[in-house]
Amino acid sequence: MTTTTILRLPDVEARCAVNRRTLYYWIERGMFPRPINLGPRTVGWLDSDIEAWINEKAQASRVSPAAVGDSKGGSNA
């Protein structure tokens, strides 16, 4: 049996090293996982969603420029 952990906003801010305003800006633009409703005025994020987002950002930052393409837009032929 796996345990699902729900993170509240202060925990998400700390894990992602950004503030509330930035998180909600990213959420509006589809750049960050949406929270789940826990009550009328309470939201949280699944730890697994935040972990996946962090891993995705780490992977993307480690992609070599050659794998992405030439930054000048030309070919090396």
N, C-alpha and C. Protein backbone atom coordinates (compact mmCIF):
# COMPACT_ATOMS: atom_id res chain seq x y z
N MET A 1 0.84 -1.18 0.00
CA MET A 1 0.00 0.00 0.00
C MET A 1 0.88 1.24 0.00
N THR A 2 0.59 2.18 -0.89
CA THR A 2 1.37 3.41 -0.95
C THR A 2 0.64 4.52 -0.20
N THR A 3 1.43 5.40 0.37
CA THR A 3 0.87 6.52 1.10
C THR A 3 0.93 7.77 0.22
N THR A 4 -0.18 8.47 0.13
CA THR A 4 -0.24 9.72 -0.61
C THR A 4 -0.15 10.86 0.37
N THR A 5 0.79 11.76 0.13
CA THR A 5 0.97 12.92 0.99
C THR A 5 0.44 14.15 0.29
N ILE A 6 -0.30 14.96 1.03
CA ILE A 6 -0.80 16.23 0.49
C ILE A 6 0.03 17.34 1.10
N LEU A 7 0.54 18.21 0.23
CA LEU A 7 1.34 19.34 0.66
C LEU A 7 0.49 20.60 0.65
N ARG A 8 0.62 21.41 1.67
CA ARG A 8 -0.04 22.70 1.70
C ARG A 8 0.89 23.74 1.10
N LEU A 9 0.37 24.93 0.85
CA LEU A 9 1.09 25.96 0.13
C LEU A 9 2.48 26.27 0.71
N PRO A 10 2.65 26.46 2.01
CA PRO A 10 4.00 26.75 2.52
C PRO A 10 5.01 25.64 2.19
N ASP A 11 4.54 24.39 2.20
CA ASP A 11 5.41 23.27 1.87
C ASP A 11 5.81 23.30 0.39
N VAL A 12 4.84 23.62 -0.48
CA VAL A 12 5.11 23.68 -1.92
C VAL A 12 6.06 24.84 -2.22
N GLU A 13 5.83 25.98 -1.58
CA GLU A 13 6.72 27.13 -1.76
C GLU A 13 8.16 26.76 -1.38
N ALA A 14 8.31 26.07 -0.28
CA ALA A 14 9.65 25.67 0.18
C ALA A 14 10.28 24.65 -0.76
N ARG A 15 9.51 23.66 -1.19
CA ARG A 15 10.04 22.61 -2.07
C ARG A 15 10.48 23.15 -3.42
N CYS A 16 9.72 24.15 -3.92
CA CYS A 16 9.99 24.69 -5.26
C CYS A 16 10.82 25.98 -5.22
N ALA A 17 11.06 26.50 -4.06
CA ALA A 17 11.87 27.72 -3.86
C ALA A 17 11.30 28.93 -4.60
N VAL A 18 9.97 29.03 -4.63
CA VAL A 18 9.30 30.19 -5.22
C VAL A 18 8.15 30.60 -4.30
N ASN A 19 7.65 31.81 -4.50
CA ASN A 19 6.57 32.29 -3.64
C ASN A 19 5.19 31.99 -4.22
N ARG A 20 4.18 32.28 -3.44
CA ARG A 20 2.78 32.02 -3.79
C ARG A 20 2.41 32.66 -5.12
N ARG A 21 2.80 33.90 -5.29
CA ARG A 21 2.44 34.63 -6.51
C ARG A 21 2.97 33.92 -7.75
N THR A 22 4.22 33.49 -7.69
CA THR A 22 4.82 32.78 -8.83
C THR A 22 4.11 31.46 -9.09
N LEU A 23 3.81 30.72 -8.03
CA LEU A 23 3.11 29.44 -8.20
C LEU A 23 1.77 29.63 -8.92
N TYR A 24 0.99 30.59 -8.46
CA TYR A 24 -0.32 30.79 -9.08
C TYR A 24 -0.21 31.37 -10.49
N TYR A 25 0.82 32.14 -10.76
CA TYR A 25 1.10 32.61 -12.12
C TYR A 25 1.35 31.41 -13.03
N TRP A 26 2.21 30.49 -12.56
CA TRP A 26 2.51 29.28 -13.34
C TRP A 26 1.28 28.42 -13.52
N ILE A 27 0.47 28.29 -12.48
CA ILE A 27 -0.74 27.48 -12.55
C ILE A 27 -1.68 28.05 -13.61
N GLU A 28 -1.88 29.35 -13.63
CA GLU A 28 -2.76 30.00 -14.61
C GLU A 28 -2.32 29.71 -16.04
N ARG A 29 -1.02 29.56 -16.24
CA ARG A 29 -0.47 29.35 -17.58
C ARG A 29 -0.21 27.89 -17.89
N GLY A 30 -0.63 26.99 -17.00
CA GLY A 30 -0.46 25.57 -17.24
C GLY A 30 0.98 25.09 -17.08
N MET A 31 1.79 25.84 -16.35
CA MET A 31 3.20 25.50 -16.18
C MET A 31 3.49 24.78 -14.85
N PHE A 32 2.45 24.58 -14.03
CA PHE A 32 2.62 23.98 -12.71
C PHE A 32 1.35 23.20 -12.39
N PRO A 33 1.47 22.10 -11.65
CA PRO A 33 0.28 21.30 -11.32
C PRO A 33 -0.78 22.10 -10.56
N ARG A 34 -2.02 21.87 -10.91
CA ARG A 34 -3.12 22.52 -10.21
C ARG A 34 -3.32 21.86 -8.85
N PRO A 35 -3.71 22.65 -7.85
CA PRO A 35 -3.98 22.06 -6.54
C PRO A 35 -5.29 21.28 -6.55
N ILE A 36 -5.47 20.46 -5.54
CA ILE A 36 -6.74 19.76 -5.35
C ILE A 36 -7.50 20.45 -4.23
N ASN A 37 -8.81 20.47 -4.34
CA ASN A 37 -9.64 21.08 -3.29
C ASN A 37 -9.75 20.13 -2.11
N LEU A 38 -9.49 20.66 -0.93
CA LEU A 38 -9.60 19.88 0.30
C LEU A 38 -10.81 20.32 1.12
N GLY A 39 -11.33 21.49 0.81
CA GLY A 39 -12.46 22.04 1.53
C GLY A 39 -12.87 23.34 0.86
N PRO A 40 -13.83 24.05 1.44
CA PRO A 40 -14.31 25.28 0.81
C PRO A 40 -13.22 26.33 0.57
N ARG A 41 -12.27 26.44 1.47
CA ARG A 41 -11.20 27.44 1.31
C ARG A 41 -9.83 26.83 1.52
N THR A 42 -9.70 25.56 1.20
CA THR A 42 -8.44 24.86 1.45
C THR A 42 -8.05 24.04 0.24
N VAL A 43 -6.79 24.21 -0.18
CA VAL A 43 -6.25 23.42 -1.29
C VAL A 43 -4.93 22.80 -0.86
N GLY A 44 -4.53 21.81 -1.62
CA GLY A 44 -3.24 21.17 -1.40
C GLY A 44 -2.77 20.55 -2.70
N TRP A 45 -1.54 20.11 -2.70
CA TRP A 45 -0.96 19.48 -3.87
C TRP A 45 -0.50 18.09 -3.49
N LEU A 46 -0.67 17.14 -4.40
CA LEU A 46 -0.15 15.80 -4.16
C LEU A 46 1.37 15.86 -4.23
N ASP A 47 2.01 15.28 -3.25
CA ASP A 47 3.47 15.24 -3.21
C ASP A 47 4.03 14.64 -4.50
N SER A 48 3.35 13.63 -5.01
CA SER A 48 3.81 12.96 -6.23
C SER A 48 3.77 13.91 -7.44
N ASP A 49 2.78 14.81 -7.50
CA ASP A 49 2.70 15.79 -8.59
C ASP A 49 3.86 16.78 -8.51
N ILE A 50 4.16 17.22 -7.31
CA ILE A 50 5.25 18.20 -7.12
C ILE A 50 6.59 17.53 -7.42
N GLU A 51 6.76 16.31 -6.95
CA GLU A 51 8.01 15.57 -7.20
C GLU A 51 8.21 15.37 -8.70
N ALA A 52 7.14 15.01 -9.41
CA ALA A 52 7.24 14.82 -10.86
C ALA A 52 7.59 16.12 -11.56
N TRP A 53 7.01 17.23 -11.12
CA TRP A 53 7.30 18.54 -11.71
C TRP A 53 8.77 18.91 -11.49
N ILE A 54 9.27 18.69 -10.28
CA ILE A 54 10.68 18.99 -9.98
C ILE A 54 11.59 18.12 -10.85
N ASN A 55 11.29 16.84 -10.95
CA ASN A 55 12.10 15.93 -11.77
C ASN A 55 12.08 16.34 -13.24
N GLU A 56 10.92 16.76 -13.73
CA GLU A 56 10.79 17.21 -15.11
C GLU A 56 11.67 18.45 -15.36
N LYS A 57 11.65 19.39 -14.44
CA LYS A 57 12.47 20.60 -14.57
C LYS A 57 13.95 20.26 -14.51
N ALA A 58 14.32 19.34 -13.63
CA ALA A 58 15.73 18.94 -13.53
C ALA A 58 16.19 18.26 -14.82
N GLN A 59 15.36 17.37 -15.37
CA GLN A 59 15.69 16.69 -16.63
C GLN A 59 15.87 17.71 -17.74
N ALA A 60 14.93 18.65 -17.85
CA ALA A 60 14.98 19.65 -18.93
C ALA A 60 16.21 20.53 -18.82
N SER A 61 16.66 20.80 -17.62
CA SER A 61 17.82 21.67 -17.45
C SER A 61 19.12 20.95 -17.78
N ARG A 62 19.07 19.63 -17.88
CA ARG A 62 20.28 18.85 -18.16
C ARG A 62 20.36 18.36 -19.59
N VAL A 63 19.44 18.78 -20.44
CA VAL A 63 19.47 18.40 -21.84
C VAL A 63 20.59 19.17 -22.52
N SER A 64 21.41 18.47 -23.28
CA SER A 64 22.54 19.13 -23.94
C SER A 64 22.04 20.01 -25.07
N PRO A 65 22.72 21.14 -25.32
CA PRO A 65 22.30 22.02 -26.43
C PRO A 65 22.29 21.30 -27.77
N ALA A 66 23.20 20.35 -27.99
CA ALA A 66 23.24 19.61 -29.25
C ALA A 66 21.96 18.80 -29.45
N ALA A 67 21.37 18.30 -28.37
CA ALA A 67 20.15 17.51 -28.47
C ALA A 67 18.95 18.39 -28.81
N VAL A 68 19.01 19.67 -28.43
CA VAL A 68 17.91 20.59 -28.68
C VAL A 68 18.00 21.16 -30.07
N GLY A 69 19.21 21.34 -30.59
CA GLY A 69 19.41 21.93 -31.92
C GLY A 69 20.36 23.09 -31.82
N ASP A 70 20.80 23.57 -32.93
CA ASP A 70 21.74 24.69 -33.00
C ASP A 70 21.04 25.97 -32.53
N SER A 71 21.65 26.68 -31.60
CA SER A 71 21.03 27.88 -31.06
C SER A 71 20.94 29.00 -32.08
N LYS A 72 21.74 28.95 -33.16
CA LYS A 72 21.70 29.99 -34.19
C LYS A 72 20.66 29.69 -35.24
N GLY A 73 20.10 28.48 -35.20
CA GLY A 73 19.04 28.12 -36.14
C GLY A 73 19.56 27.57 -37.45
N GLY A 74 20.86 27.54 -37.64
CA GLY A 74 21.43 27.03 -38.88
C GLY A 74 21.82 25.57 -38.75
N SER A 75 22.34 25.02 -39.83
CA SER A 75 22.80 23.63 -39.79
C SER A 75 24.31 23.61 -39.75
N ASN A 76 24.86 22.50 -39.35
CA ASN A 76 26.31 22.34 -39.27
C ASN A 76 26.86 21.65 -40.49
N ALA A 77 26.12 21.58 -41.57
CA ALA A 77 26.54 20.87 -42.78
C ALA A 77 27.48 21.69 -43.63
